[in-house]
């Protein structure tokens, strides 16, 4: 048997894609942010657990026939945060991630809690004039910022920084998981809001397509925040903020593929995975599959 034939019969994992150099079209950066958590946890462990889970995810999609082996991803390692607050972690994250976003077609930020989204968006466009934000999240993340930055207020912080509300779409916002003033803020700021019930009635694919149509018409580049707590709690036990009645994992995966395929999406994050809460690696494997779906979408560009 030739070496080529042997290679063709190997089982390739997504972890193997991370060995590409800086010239790869896709970049990955870990942002182990735990500071500023409304509910303290161990989200800072997520980048390490996420990478380990990739060893268990194949590069081949039996449903579409897609093979990701050969698609290079540059793994830039983790930002050193060492228990920093979101305020202190802003500069280290933006310094590292902005360099990747400027030189790669798709840059992926692995949290850490949702406080990483603010520096992630700034890394794409420091002036916040041409970037749009789409969130898949059970929460508005519009808590007040007067007492400091939290994982519960990155969207409010971005509004405070000057990101126009009309450049934001929020998908999967859950009932009985947010305050009325947050919804009023979203409406007043012109944010496009798609509650979970609407996602279930119309389908996540249709809702996401609407959000893309709206934001892409207004923005040159799009950043997508995947807060894993948008998923049904029973399907993602490692997402402390998840609620019963959330998105199915299959819809989450389909959304990741659609996001990866969109030509204006230049950066994404995955946030709020807490390995300390996970059961039997369920959420770790969800995160790994999410990565595969994202790359499968990108491959079709």
Foldseek 3Di string as FASTA:
>chain_A
DDPVVVVVPDFAFPLVQQPDALLAQEEEEEEAAQAQAPDGFRFSCQVVLLSVLRVVHTQADPVVRDGCPVRHYHYPYYQDQPHPHLVVCLVSLLVVQLVSLVNHQEYEYEYDAQSSVLSNQCSNPVQLQFEAEEELDLALLCPDDPVHDHSSNSVVVVVVSPNQLQRYEYAAHEPPQYDPVSVVVSVVRNHHYHHNVNCVVVPVVVVVVVNCVRNVVRHQAYEYEYEVLQEACVQQQQQVSHHHSHDHLVSLLQSLLQLLQDSRYSYYYYHRGHPVRDDPCRNSNSSSSSVSSSSNSVVND
